[in-house]
N, C-alpha and C. Protein backbone atom coordinates (compact mmCIF):
# COMPACT_ATOMS: atom_id res chain seq x y z
N MET A 1 0.84 -1.17 -0.02
CA MET A 1 0.00 0.01 0.01
C MET A 1 0.88 1.27 0.00
N ARG A 2 0.52 2.24 -0.81
CA ARG A 2 1.31 3.42 -0.89
C ARG A 2 0.87 4.41 0.18
N LEU A 3 1.82 4.80 1.05
CA LEU A 3 1.49 5.65 2.17
C LEU A 3 1.58 7.13 1.81
N PHE A 4 2.33 7.46 0.80
CA PHE A 4 2.59 8.84 0.45
C PHE A 4 2.25 9.08 -1.02
N ARG A 5 1.61 10.17 -1.30
CA ARG A 5 1.33 10.53 -2.68
C ARG A 5 2.30 11.71 -3.01
N ASN A 6 2.89 11.59 -4.20
CA ASN A 6 3.79 12.60 -4.64
C ASN A 6 3.04 13.91 -4.81
N LEU A 7 3.54 15.00 -4.22
CA LEU A 7 2.94 16.29 -4.41
C LEU A 7 3.28 16.75 -5.82
N THR A 8 2.39 17.51 -6.46
CA THR A 8 2.74 18.11 -7.73
C THR A 8 3.85 19.12 -7.49
N SER A 9 4.94 18.93 -8.11
CA SER A 9 6.09 19.80 -7.88
C SER A 9 5.92 21.14 -8.54
N PRO A 10 6.10 22.23 -7.79
CA PRO A 10 6.05 23.56 -8.37
C PRO A 10 7.23 23.75 -9.35
N ALA A 11 8.20 22.84 -9.36
CA ALA A 11 9.31 22.93 -10.30
C ALA A 11 8.76 22.86 -11.73
N GLY A 12 7.63 22.15 -11.89
CA GLY A 12 7.00 22.05 -13.15
C GLY A 12 7.93 21.58 -14.27
N HIS A 13 8.09 22.45 -15.25
CA HIS A 13 8.90 22.08 -16.41
C HIS A 13 10.25 22.81 -16.36
N VAL A 14 10.76 23.17 -15.21
CA VAL A 14 12.06 23.78 -15.10
C VAL A 14 13.12 22.79 -15.58
N ARG A 15 13.87 23.20 -16.58
CA ARG A 15 14.93 22.37 -17.10
C ARG A 15 16.13 23.31 -17.40
N LEU A 16 17.32 22.97 -16.88
CA LEU A 16 18.49 23.71 -17.08
C LEU A 16 19.41 22.93 -18.07
N ASN A 17 19.68 23.53 -19.18
CA ASN A 17 20.40 22.82 -20.26
C ASN A 17 21.86 23.22 -20.35
N GLY A 18 22.70 22.22 -20.49
CA GLY A 18 24.12 22.44 -20.74
C GLY A 18 24.54 21.68 -21.98
N GLY A 19 25.83 21.69 -22.24
CA GLY A 19 26.37 20.97 -23.42
C GLY A 19 26.38 19.48 -23.25
N LYS A 20 26.78 18.99 -22.03
CA LYS A 20 26.87 17.56 -21.77
C LYS A 20 25.75 17.03 -20.91
N VAL A 21 25.14 17.87 -20.12
CA VAL A 21 24.10 17.45 -19.19
C VAL A 21 22.94 18.45 -19.19
N TYR A 22 21.82 17.98 -18.64
CA TYR A 22 20.74 18.86 -18.30
C TYR A 22 20.23 18.50 -16.90
N LEU A 23 19.62 19.49 -16.25
CA LEU A 23 19.05 19.29 -14.88
C LEU A 23 17.53 19.44 -14.98
N ARG A 24 16.83 18.59 -14.26
CA ARG A 24 15.40 18.76 -14.11
C ARG A 24 15.00 18.15 -12.73
N SER A 25 13.83 18.55 -12.29
CA SER A 25 13.40 18.06 -10.98
C SER A 25 13.05 16.56 -11.05
N PRO A 26 13.33 15.84 -9.97
CA PRO A 26 13.04 14.40 -9.93
C PRO A 26 11.54 14.13 -10.04
N THR A 27 11.19 13.00 -10.67
CA THR A 27 9.80 12.58 -10.78
C THR A 27 9.67 11.14 -10.36
N GLU A 28 8.43 10.66 -10.27
CA GLU A 28 8.16 9.27 -9.87
C GLU A 28 8.81 8.28 -10.89
N ARG A 29 8.81 8.67 -12.18
CA ARG A 29 9.31 7.68 -13.19
C ARG A 29 10.82 7.56 -13.09
N ASP A 30 11.50 8.36 -12.32
CA ASP A 30 12.96 8.28 -12.20
C ASP A 30 13.38 7.24 -11.13
N TRP A 31 12.43 6.70 -10.41
CA TRP A 31 12.76 5.84 -9.24
C TRP A 31 13.70 4.70 -9.61
N ARG A 32 13.38 3.92 -10.65
CA ARG A 32 14.22 2.78 -10.97
C ARG A 32 15.65 3.17 -11.35
N ALA A 33 15.77 4.23 -12.14
CA ALA A 33 17.10 4.71 -12.52
C ALA A 33 17.89 5.21 -11.32
N TYR A 34 17.17 5.89 -10.40
CA TYR A 34 17.79 6.38 -9.16
C TYR A 34 18.31 5.19 -8.32
N VAL A 35 17.47 4.17 -8.18
CA VAL A 35 17.89 2.99 -7.41
C VAL A 35 19.11 2.32 -8.04
N GLU A 36 19.07 2.20 -9.33
CA GLU A 36 20.19 1.53 -10.04
C GLU A 36 21.50 2.26 -9.86
N VAL A 37 21.50 3.59 -10.06
CA VAL A 37 22.76 4.31 -10.00
C VAL A 37 23.26 4.42 -8.56
N ARG A 38 22.34 4.58 -7.60
CA ARG A 38 22.72 4.67 -6.20
C ARG A 38 23.22 3.33 -5.67
N ALA A 39 22.54 2.24 -6.03
CA ALA A 39 22.95 0.91 -5.57
C ALA A 39 24.34 0.55 -6.14
N ALA A 40 24.56 0.82 -7.44
CA ALA A 40 25.83 0.52 -8.05
C ALA A 40 26.97 1.37 -7.51
N SER A 41 26.60 2.53 -6.89
CA SER A 41 27.64 3.48 -6.42
C SER A 41 27.68 3.56 -4.89
N ARG A 42 27.07 2.62 -4.20
CA ARG A 42 26.89 2.72 -2.75
C ARG A 42 28.26 2.89 -2.03
N LYS A 43 29.23 2.02 -2.32
CA LYS A 43 30.51 2.09 -1.66
C LYS A 43 31.26 3.41 -1.97
N PHE A 44 31.00 3.90 -3.15
CA PHE A 44 31.61 5.13 -3.62
C PHE A 44 31.00 6.34 -2.88
N LEU A 45 29.70 6.33 -2.60
CA LEU A 45 28.98 7.44 -2.04
C LEU A 45 28.94 7.50 -0.53
N GLU A 46 28.88 6.32 0.10
CA GLU A 46 28.67 6.26 1.56
C GLU A 46 29.69 7.03 2.40
N PRO A 47 30.96 7.05 2.05
CA PRO A 47 31.94 7.79 2.89
C PRO A 47 31.62 9.27 3.00
N TRP A 48 30.85 9.84 2.10
CA TRP A 48 30.61 11.29 2.04
C TRP A 48 29.19 11.68 2.45
N GLU A 49 28.35 10.74 2.84
CA GLU A 49 26.95 11.04 3.07
C GLU A 49 26.49 10.62 4.47
N PRO A 50 25.34 11.15 4.89
CA PRO A 50 24.73 10.64 6.14
C PRO A 50 24.47 9.14 5.99
N THR A 51 24.39 8.46 7.14
CA THR A 51 24.14 7.02 7.11
C THR A 51 22.87 6.71 6.36
N TRP A 52 22.98 5.77 5.40
CA TRP A 52 21.81 5.35 4.64
C TRP A 52 20.85 4.54 5.50
N PRO A 53 19.55 4.93 5.56
CA PRO A 53 18.61 4.11 6.33
C PRO A 53 18.39 2.79 5.62
N PRO A 54 17.86 1.79 6.34
CA PRO A 54 17.67 0.45 5.73
C PRO A 54 16.83 0.50 4.45
N ASP A 55 15.89 1.44 4.36
CA ASP A 55 15.04 1.47 3.19
C ASP A 55 15.47 2.56 2.19
N ALA A 56 16.74 2.94 2.19
CA ALA A 56 17.24 4.06 1.41
C ALA A 56 16.89 3.98 -0.06
N LEU A 57 16.84 2.73 -0.58
CA LEU A 57 16.58 2.53 -1.98
C LEU A 57 15.15 2.02 -2.26
N GLY A 58 14.31 2.04 -1.25
CA GLY A 58 12.93 1.57 -1.42
C GLY A 58 12.06 2.58 -2.11
N ARG A 59 10.98 2.07 -2.67
CA ARG A 59 10.07 2.93 -3.41
C ARG A 59 9.42 4.00 -2.49
N GLU A 60 8.96 3.56 -1.30
CA GLU A 60 8.31 4.52 -0.40
C GLU A 60 9.25 5.60 0.09
N ALA A 61 10.50 5.20 0.35
CA ALA A 61 11.49 6.21 0.75
C ALA A 61 11.70 7.23 -0.35
N TYR A 62 11.71 6.75 -1.58
CA TYR A 62 11.89 7.62 -2.74
C TYR A 62 10.71 8.59 -2.84
N PHE A 63 9.50 8.10 -2.65
CA PHE A 63 8.33 8.97 -2.75
C PHE A 63 8.30 10.00 -1.59
N ARG A 64 8.77 9.59 -0.40
CA ARG A 64 8.88 10.58 0.67
C ARG A 64 9.84 11.69 0.30
N ARG A 65 10.94 11.28 -0.38
CA ARG A 65 11.95 12.26 -0.80
C ARG A 65 11.30 13.24 -1.82
N LEU A 66 10.53 12.70 -2.76
CA LEU A 66 9.86 13.53 -3.73
C LEU A 66 8.89 14.54 -3.05
N ASN A 67 8.18 14.04 -2.05
CA ASN A 67 7.26 14.91 -1.33
C ASN A 67 8.01 16.06 -0.68
N ARG A 68 9.15 15.74 -0.06
CA ARG A 68 9.95 16.78 0.55
C ARG A 68 10.51 17.77 -0.47
N TYR A 69 11.00 17.27 -1.61
CA TYR A 69 11.51 18.15 -2.65
C TYR A 69 10.41 19.10 -3.11
N ALA A 70 9.20 18.55 -3.34
CA ALA A 70 8.09 19.38 -3.84
C ALA A 70 7.69 20.44 -2.83
N ALA A 71 7.64 20.06 -1.50
CA ALA A 71 7.27 21.02 -0.47
C ALA A 71 8.35 22.08 -0.35
N ASP A 72 9.63 21.69 -0.45
CA ASP A 72 10.69 22.66 -0.33
C ASP A 72 10.62 23.67 -1.47
N TRP A 73 10.36 23.16 -2.71
CA TRP A 73 10.29 24.03 -3.89
C TRP A 73 9.12 24.98 -3.73
N ARG A 74 7.95 24.45 -3.29
CA ARG A 74 6.75 25.26 -3.16
C ARG A 74 6.99 26.38 -2.09
N ASP A 75 7.70 26.04 -1.02
CA ASP A 75 7.93 27.00 0.06
C ASP A 75 9.13 27.88 -0.21
N GLY A 76 9.84 27.65 -1.29
CA GLY A 76 10.98 28.48 -1.65
C GLY A 76 12.24 28.26 -0.83
N VAL A 77 12.31 27.09 -0.15
CA VAL A 77 13.47 26.85 0.74
C VAL A 77 14.44 25.80 0.14
N GLY A 78 14.07 25.22 -0.99
CA GLY A 78 14.95 24.21 -1.59
C GLY A 78 14.59 23.93 -3.03
N HIS A 79 15.62 23.60 -3.82
CA HIS A 79 15.45 23.37 -5.26
C HIS A 79 16.33 22.19 -5.67
N SER A 80 15.71 21.02 -5.85
CA SER A 80 16.51 19.82 -6.11
C SER A 80 16.36 19.39 -7.56
N PHE A 81 17.48 18.93 -8.12
CA PHE A 81 17.50 18.51 -9.54
C PHE A 81 18.21 17.18 -9.62
N PHE A 82 17.82 16.38 -10.64
CA PHE A 82 18.62 15.25 -11.07
C PHE A 82 19.44 15.71 -12.25
N ILE A 83 20.59 15.06 -12.42
CA ILE A 83 21.52 15.37 -13.53
C ILE A 83 21.40 14.24 -14.57
N PHE A 84 21.14 14.61 -15.80
CA PHE A 84 21.00 13.63 -16.91
C PHE A 84 21.98 13.91 -18.01
N GLY A 85 22.46 12.87 -18.65
CA GLY A 85 23.34 13.05 -19.79
C GLY A 85 22.55 13.42 -21.02
N ASN A 86 23.04 14.37 -21.78
CA ASN A 86 22.34 14.76 -23.00
C ASN A 86 22.32 13.69 -24.05
N ASP A 87 23.37 12.90 -24.12
CA ASP A 87 23.45 11.88 -25.19
C ASP A 87 22.42 10.77 -25.05
N ASP A 88 22.24 10.27 -23.81
CA ASP A 88 21.38 9.10 -23.64
C ASP A 88 20.32 9.26 -22.59
N ASN A 89 20.18 10.45 -21.99
CA ASN A 89 19.20 10.74 -20.94
C ASN A 89 19.40 9.88 -19.70
N ALA A 90 20.60 9.33 -19.51
CA ALA A 90 20.89 8.54 -18.31
C ALA A 90 20.95 9.38 -17.09
N LEU A 91 20.42 8.90 -15.99
CA LEU A 91 20.54 9.60 -14.71
C LEU A 91 21.97 9.45 -14.15
N LEU A 92 22.65 10.57 -13.98
CA LEU A 92 24.04 10.58 -13.58
C LEU A 92 24.25 10.91 -12.09
N GLY A 93 23.39 11.70 -11.55
CA GLY A 93 23.55 12.15 -10.16
C GLY A 93 22.49 13.16 -9.76
N GLY A 94 22.78 13.90 -8.72
CA GLY A 94 21.86 14.92 -8.26
C GLY A 94 22.56 16.16 -7.75
N ILE A 95 21.89 17.28 -7.76
CA ILE A 95 22.44 18.54 -7.25
C ILE A 95 21.30 19.36 -6.72
N SER A 96 21.54 20.09 -5.65
CA SER A 96 20.43 20.83 -5.02
C SER A 96 20.91 22.10 -4.36
N MET A 97 19.97 23.00 -4.21
CA MET A 97 20.18 24.20 -3.37
C MET A 97 19.12 24.10 -2.24
N SER A 98 19.60 23.88 -1.03
CA SER A 98 18.69 23.73 0.10
C SER A 98 18.94 24.79 1.17
N ASN A 99 18.08 24.77 2.18
CA ASN A 99 18.20 25.71 3.30
C ASN A 99 18.30 27.15 2.79
N VAL A 100 17.43 27.49 1.79
CA VAL A 100 17.47 28.85 1.24
C VAL A 100 16.91 29.84 2.29
N ARG A 101 17.68 30.84 2.53
CA ARG A 101 17.27 31.91 3.49
C ARG A 101 17.11 33.21 2.72
N ARG A 102 16.03 33.88 2.98
CA ARG A 102 15.78 35.16 2.31
C ARG A 102 16.08 36.31 3.29
N GLY A 103 15.33 37.38 3.21
CA GLY A 103 15.61 38.53 4.10
C GLY A 103 16.99 39.09 3.87
N VAL A 104 17.71 39.32 4.99
CA VAL A 104 19.02 39.93 4.84
C VAL A 104 20.13 38.92 4.43
N ALA A 105 19.79 37.63 4.36
CA ALA A 105 20.79 36.59 4.03
C ALA A 105 20.90 36.34 2.52
N GLN A 106 19.75 36.02 1.91
CA GLN A 106 19.72 35.72 0.46
C GLN A 106 20.77 34.70 0.08
N CYS A 107 20.74 33.56 0.79
CA CYS A 107 21.79 32.53 0.51
C CYS A 107 21.16 31.11 0.61
N GLY A 108 21.89 30.14 0.23
CA GLY A 108 21.45 28.74 0.31
C GLY A 108 22.64 27.82 0.32
N THR A 109 22.37 26.55 0.55
CA THR A 109 23.41 25.58 0.75
C THR A 109 23.41 24.56 -0.43
N LEU A 110 24.59 24.43 -1.03
CA LEU A 110 24.74 23.53 -2.18
C LEU A 110 25.00 22.09 -1.72
N GLY A 111 24.41 21.14 -2.42
CA GLY A 111 24.67 19.73 -2.20
C GLY A 111 24.68 18.96 -3.55
N TYR A 112 25.47 17.91 -3.61
CA TYR A 112 25.54 17.16 -4.86
C TYR A 112 26.07 15.77 -4.65
N TRP A 113 25.76 14.90 -5.65
CA TRP A 113 26.36 13.55 -5.66
C TRP A 113 26.39 13.08 -7.14
N ILE A 114 27.30 12.21 -7.42
CA ILE A 114 27.42 11.64 -8.76
C ILE A 114 27.63 10.16 -8.69
N GLY A 115 27.01 9.40 -9.58
CA GLY A 115 27.20 7.97 -9.62
C GLY A 115 28.65 7.63 -9.97
N GLU A 116 29.16 6.58 -9.38
CA GLU A 116 30.59 6.23 -9.60
C GLU A 116 30.94 6.06 -11.08
N PRO A 117 30.09 5.40 -11.90
CA PRO A 117 30.49 5.24 -13.33
C PRO A 117 30.61 6.57 -14.09
N HIS A 118 30.06 7.64 -13.52
CA HIS A 118 30.03 8.93 -14.20
C HIS A 118 30.98 9.97 -13.58
N ALA A 119 31.71 9.57 -12.56
CA ALA A 119 32.60 10.52 -11.89
C ALA A 119 33.80 10.86 -12.77
N ARG A 120 34.35 12.04 -12.54
CA ARG A 120 35.60 12.49 -13.19
C ARG A 120 35.46 12.56 -14.71
N GLN A 121 34.27 12.89 -15.17
CA GLN A 121 34.09 13.02 -16.61
C GLN A 121 33.56 14.42 -16.99
N GLY A 122 33.59 15.35 -16.03
CA GLY A 122 33.18 16.71 -16.29
C GLY A 122 31.68 16.97 -16.14
N TYR A 123 30.92 15.94 -15.84
CA TYR A 123 29.48 16.11 -15.71
C TYR A 123 29.13 17.03 -14.51
N MET A 124 29.73 16.78 -13.39
CA MET A 124 29.41 17.60 -12.22
C MET A 124 29.90 19.06 -12.37
N ASN A 125 31.02 19.23 -13.04
CA ASN A 125 31.48 20.59 -13.29
C ASN A 125 30.40 21.38 -14.03
N GLU A 126 29.83 20.78 -15.06
CA GLU A 126 28.79 21.49 -15.82
C GLU A 126 27.53 21.66 -15.03
N ALA A 127 27.11 20.62 -14.28
CA ALA A 127 25.93 20.73 -13.47
C ALA A 127 26.05 21.83 -12.45
N LEU A 128 27.25 21.95 -11.90
CA LEU A 128 27.47 23.02 -10.89
C LEU A 128 27.34 24.42 -11.55
N ARG A 129 27.91 24.55 -12.76
CA ARG A 129 27.75 25.85 -13.44
C ARG A 129 26.29 26.18 -13.69
N LEU A 130 25.52 25.15 -14.06
CA LEU A 130 24.11 25.37 -14.37
C LEU A 130 23.31 25.83 -13.14
N ILE A 131 23.59 25.14 -11.99
CA ILE A 131 22.82 25.52 -10.80
C ILE A 131 23.29 26.86 -10.24
N ILE A 132 24.56 27.19 -10.44
CA ILE A 132 25.04 28.51 -10.03
C ILE A 132 24.29 29.61 -10.79
N GLU A 133 24.16 29.46 -12.09
CA GLU A 133 23.42 30.42 -12.93
C GLU A 133 21.96 30.53 -12.48
N PHE A 134 21.39 29.37 -12.18
CA PHE A 134 20.02 29.33 -11.68
C PHE A 134 19.87 30.07 -10.35
N CYS A 135 20.81 29.85 -9.45
CA CYS A 135 20.72 30.48 -8.09
C CYS A 135 20.89 31.99 -8.16
N PHE A 136 21.89 32.42 -8.91
CA PHE A 136 22.12 33.88 -9.01
C PHE A 136 21.17 34.57 -9.97
N GLY A 137 20.69 33.83 -10.95
CA GLY A 137 19.77 34.42 -11.94
C GLY A 137 18.33 34.34 -11.53
N GLN A 138 17.74 33.15 -11.64
CA GLN A 138 16.32 32.96 -11.35
C GLN A 138 15.94 33.11 -9.87
N LEU A 139 16.82 32.64 -8.98
CA LEU A 139 16.49 32.76 -7.53
C LEU A 139 16.92 34.06 -6.94
N GLY A 140 17.85 34.76 -7.59
CA GLY A 140 18.30 36.06 -7.09
C GLY A 140 19.09 35.99 -5.77
N LEU A 141 19.75 34.86 -5.53
CA LEU A 141 20.55 34.73 -4.30
C LEU A 141 21.80 35.59 -4.37
N HIS A 142 22.37 35.89 -3.19
CA HIS A 142 23.55 36.65 -3.13
C HIS A 142 24.75 35.77 -2.79
N ARG A 143 24.50 34.61 -2.13
CA ARG A 143 25.61 33.78 -1.65
C ARG A 143 25.22 32.31 -1.74
N ILE A 144 26.11 31.51 -2.27
CA ILE A 144 25.94 30.05 -2.26
C ILE A 144 27.01 29.49 -1.32
N GLU A 145 26.55 28.67 -0.37
CA GLU A 145 27.47 28.04 0.55
C GLU A 145 27.60 26.55 0.25
N ALA A 146 28.79 26.02 0.59
CA ALA A 146 29.02 24.57 0.42
C ALA A 146 29.98 24.12 1.49
N ALA A 147 29.93 22.85 1.82
CA ALA A 147 30.84 22.26 2.81
C ALA A 147 31.28 20.91 2.34
N CYS A 148 32.53 20.53 2.61
CA CYS A 148 33.03 19.24 2.26
C CYS A 148 34.01 18.76 3.27
N LEU A 149 34.13 17.42 3.36
CA LEU A 149 35.11 16.84 4.30
C LEU A 149 36.53 17.24 3.92
N PRO A 150 37.38 17.43 4.92
CA PRO A 150 38.76 17.88 4.59
C PRO A 150 39.54 16.90 3.72
N HIS A 151 39.20 15.63 3.73
CA HIS A 151 39.91 14.65 2.90
C HIS A 151 39.18 14.35 1.60
N ASN A 152 38.14 15.10 1.28
CA ASN A 152 37.45 14.93 0.01
C ASN A 152 38.09 15.85 -1.03
N ASP A 153 39.23 15.40 -1.61
CA ASP A 153 39.95 16.20 -2.56
C ASP A 153 39.13 16.54 -3.82
N ALA A 154 38.36 15.54 -4.30
CA ALA A 154 37.60 15.76 -5.50
C ALA A 154 36.57 16.90 -5.35
N SER A 155 35.91 16.89 -4.18
CA SER A 155 34.92 17.95 -3.95
C SER A 155 35.55 19.30 -3.78
N GLN A 156 36.69 19.35 -3.12
CA GLN A 156 37.41 20.62 -2.96
C GLN A 156 37.80 21.18 -4.33
N LYS A 157 38.34 20.33 -5.20
CA LYS A 157 38.77 20.78 -6.52
C LYS A 157 37.60 21.25 -7.35
N LEU A 158 36.45 20.55 -7.22
CA LEU A 158 35.24 20.94 -7.93
C LEU A 158 34.84 22.37 -7.56
N LEU A 159 34.80 22.64 -6.25
CA LEU A 159 34.41 23.99 -5.79
C LEU A 159 35.43 25.04 -6.17
N GLN A 160 36.67 24.72 -6.06
CA GLN A 160 37.73 25.69 -6.41
C GLN A 160 37.69 26.03 -7.91
N ARG A 161 37.43 25.05 -8.76
CA ARG A 161 37.33 25.30 -10.19
C ARG A 161 36.17 26.23 -10.49
N ALA A 162 35.11 26.19 -9.69
CA ALA A 162 33.97 27.06 -9.86
C ALA A 162 34.13 28.38 -9.11
N ASP A 163 35.35 28.69 -8.67
CA ASP A 163 35.66 29.97 -8.01
C ASP A 163 35.09 30.15 -6.61
N PHE A 164 34.72 29.06 -5.96
CA PHE A 164 34.34 29.15 -4.55
C PHE A 164 35.56 29.51 -3.71
N THR A 165 35.34 30.28 -2.64
CA THR A 165 36.39 30.64 -1.73
C THR A 165 36.26 29.86 -0.45
N GLN A 166 37.37 29.37 0.04
CA GLN A 166 37.30 28.66 1.38
C GLN A 166 37.19 29.71 2.50
N ASP A 167 36.12 29.64 3.25
CA ASP A 167 35.85 30.59 4.28
C ASP A 167 36.37 30.16 5.68
N GLY A 168 36.40 28.87 5.89
CA GLY A 168 36.76 28.45 7.23
C GLY A 168 36.71 26.92 7.42
N TYR A 169 36.81 26.56 8.69
CA TYR A 169 36.86 25.17 9.10
C TYR A 169 35.86 24.97 10.23
N ALA A 170 34.84 24.16 9.98
CA ALA A 170 33.82 23.99 11.01
C ALA A 170 33.98 22.64 11.73
N ARG A 171 34.18 22.64 13.01
CA ARG A 171 34.35 21.41 13.80
C ARG A 171 33.03 20.70 13.97
N LYS A 172 33.07 19.40 13.78
CA LYS A 172 31.87 18.53 14.01
C LYS A 172 30.64 19.16 13.33
N TYR A 173 30.75 19.49 12.09
CA TYR A 173 29.73 20.29 11.42
C TYR A 173 28.53 19.47 10.96
N LEU A 174 28.75 18.31 10.32
CA LEU A 174 27.67 17.46 9.88
C LEU A 174 27.91 16.02 10.29
N LYS A 175 26.81 15.27 10.47
CA LYS A 175 26.91 13.87 10.88
C LYS A 175 27.00 13.01 9.60
N ILE A 176 28.15 12.49 9.35
CA ILE A 176 28.40 11.68 8.15
C ILE A 176 28.77 10.28 8.59
N ARG A 177 28.06 9.28 8.00
CA ARG A 177 28.24 7.88 8.35
C ARG A 177 28.16 7.63 9.86
N GLY A 178 27.26 8.38 10.49
CA GLY A 178 26.99 8.15 11.91
C GLY A 178 27.93 8.88 12.87
N GLU A 179 28.83 9.68 12.35
CA GLU A 179 29.80 10.42 13.24
C GLU A 179 29.81 11.92 12.84
N TRP A 180 29.92 12.76 13.87
CA TRP A 180 30.03 14.18 13.61
C TRP A 180 31.42 14.44 13.01
N GLN A 181 31.43 15.08 11.86
CA GLN A 181 32.68 15.29 11.10
C GLN A 181 33.00 16.76 10.91
N ASP A 182 34.28 17.09 10.95
CA ASP A 182 34.73 18.44 10.63
C ASP A 182 34.52 18.64 9.10
N HIS A 183 34.29 19.92 8.71
CA HIS A 183 34.11 20.22 7.30
C HIS A 183 34.83 21.54 6.95
N LEU A 184 35.26 21.62 5.73
CA LEU A 184 35.72 22.87 5.14
C LEU A 184 34.51 23.64 4.59
N LEU A 185 34.47 24.94 4.85
CA LEU A 185 33.34 25.77 4.43
C LEU A 185 33.76 26.64 3.24
N TYR A 186 32.93 26.62 2.21
CA TYR A 186 33.20 27.39 1.01
C TYR A 186 31.99 28.29 0.70
N SER A 187 32.25 29.34 -0.08
CA SER A 187 31.14 30.20 -0.55
C SER A 187 31.50 30.81 -1.91
N LEU A 188 30.43 31.16 -2.59
CA LEU A 188 30.53 31.94 -3.85
C LEU A 188 29.51 33.05 -3.82
N LEU A 189 29.97 34.29 -4.05
CA LEU A 189 29.11 35.46 -4.05
C LEU A 189 28.69 35.84 -5.42
N ALA A 190 27.51 36.44 -5.55
CA ALA A 190 27.01 36.86 -6.84
C ALA A 190 28.00 37.80 -7.53
N GLU A 191 28.55 38.74 -6.79
CA GLU A 191 29.48 39.72 -7.40
C GLU A 191 30.79 39.08 -7.81
N ASP A 192 31.26 38.07 -7.10
CA ASP A 192 32.45 37.30 -7.50
C ASP A 192 32.18 36.56 -8.79
N HIS A 193 30.98 35.98 -8.86
CA HIS A 193 30.62 35.18 -10.07
C HIS A 193 30.51 36.10 -11.27
N LYS A 194 29.92 37.27 -11.12
CA LYS A 194 29.78 38.20 -12.26
C LYS A 194 31.14 38.61 -12.76
N SER A 195 32.11 38.77 -11.83
CA SER A 195 33.45 39.25 -12.25
C SER A 195 34.22 38.21 -13.00
N THR A 196 33.84 36.91 -12.86
CA THR A 196 34.59 35.85 -13.52
C THR A 196 33.81 35.24 -14.69
N SER A 197 32.52 35.62 -14.84
CA SER A 197 31.69 35.03 -15.91
C SER A 197 32.05 35.68 -17.22
N PRO A 198 32.05 34.90 -18.34
CA PRO A 198 32.30 35.48 -19.64
C PRO A 198 31.19 36.45 -20.04
N GLU A 199 31.52 37.49 -20.73
CA GLU A 199 30.49 38.46 -21.16
C GLU A 199 29.62 37.86 -22.26
């Protein structure tokens, strides 16, 4: 029995197009592809993520996730996308802007993951550029924040290539794999992005 019904996502037909990838909001029909790429990449992803619950790849857990994404989008506090390859429409990973704060802050928190078979092929670099343009353009944010584990070299290089600045070091910042872990804190400002974007 299905306990949760997917909310109609206010994301609607939002699609961000790049040369190698495109981003769109997750839907019910993506469940099987999501399970396949996450299951195949579990050992690759687990060191960098919160502990996976026992039903992490179950259908109901996925629908709960969709409900949360839709509610966050409707309330303006989060915008989640899946990353797809332009060549074959394969699901490659996910990227999101969460914890969006308005008022005097005008900022949000970046999160992302990529399936192991698709890592280190430039897909996430392009997905990051697309969501940056979305955040500073359509959302009108002033600041994008990100955090990564100090030993996650790939994530650090990804952020540095996108001109993020390391702001500091946060002790016991997030609970990863069941333990509170220190994180490096990064940010990108709208004015910094404008100064480095091609005309």
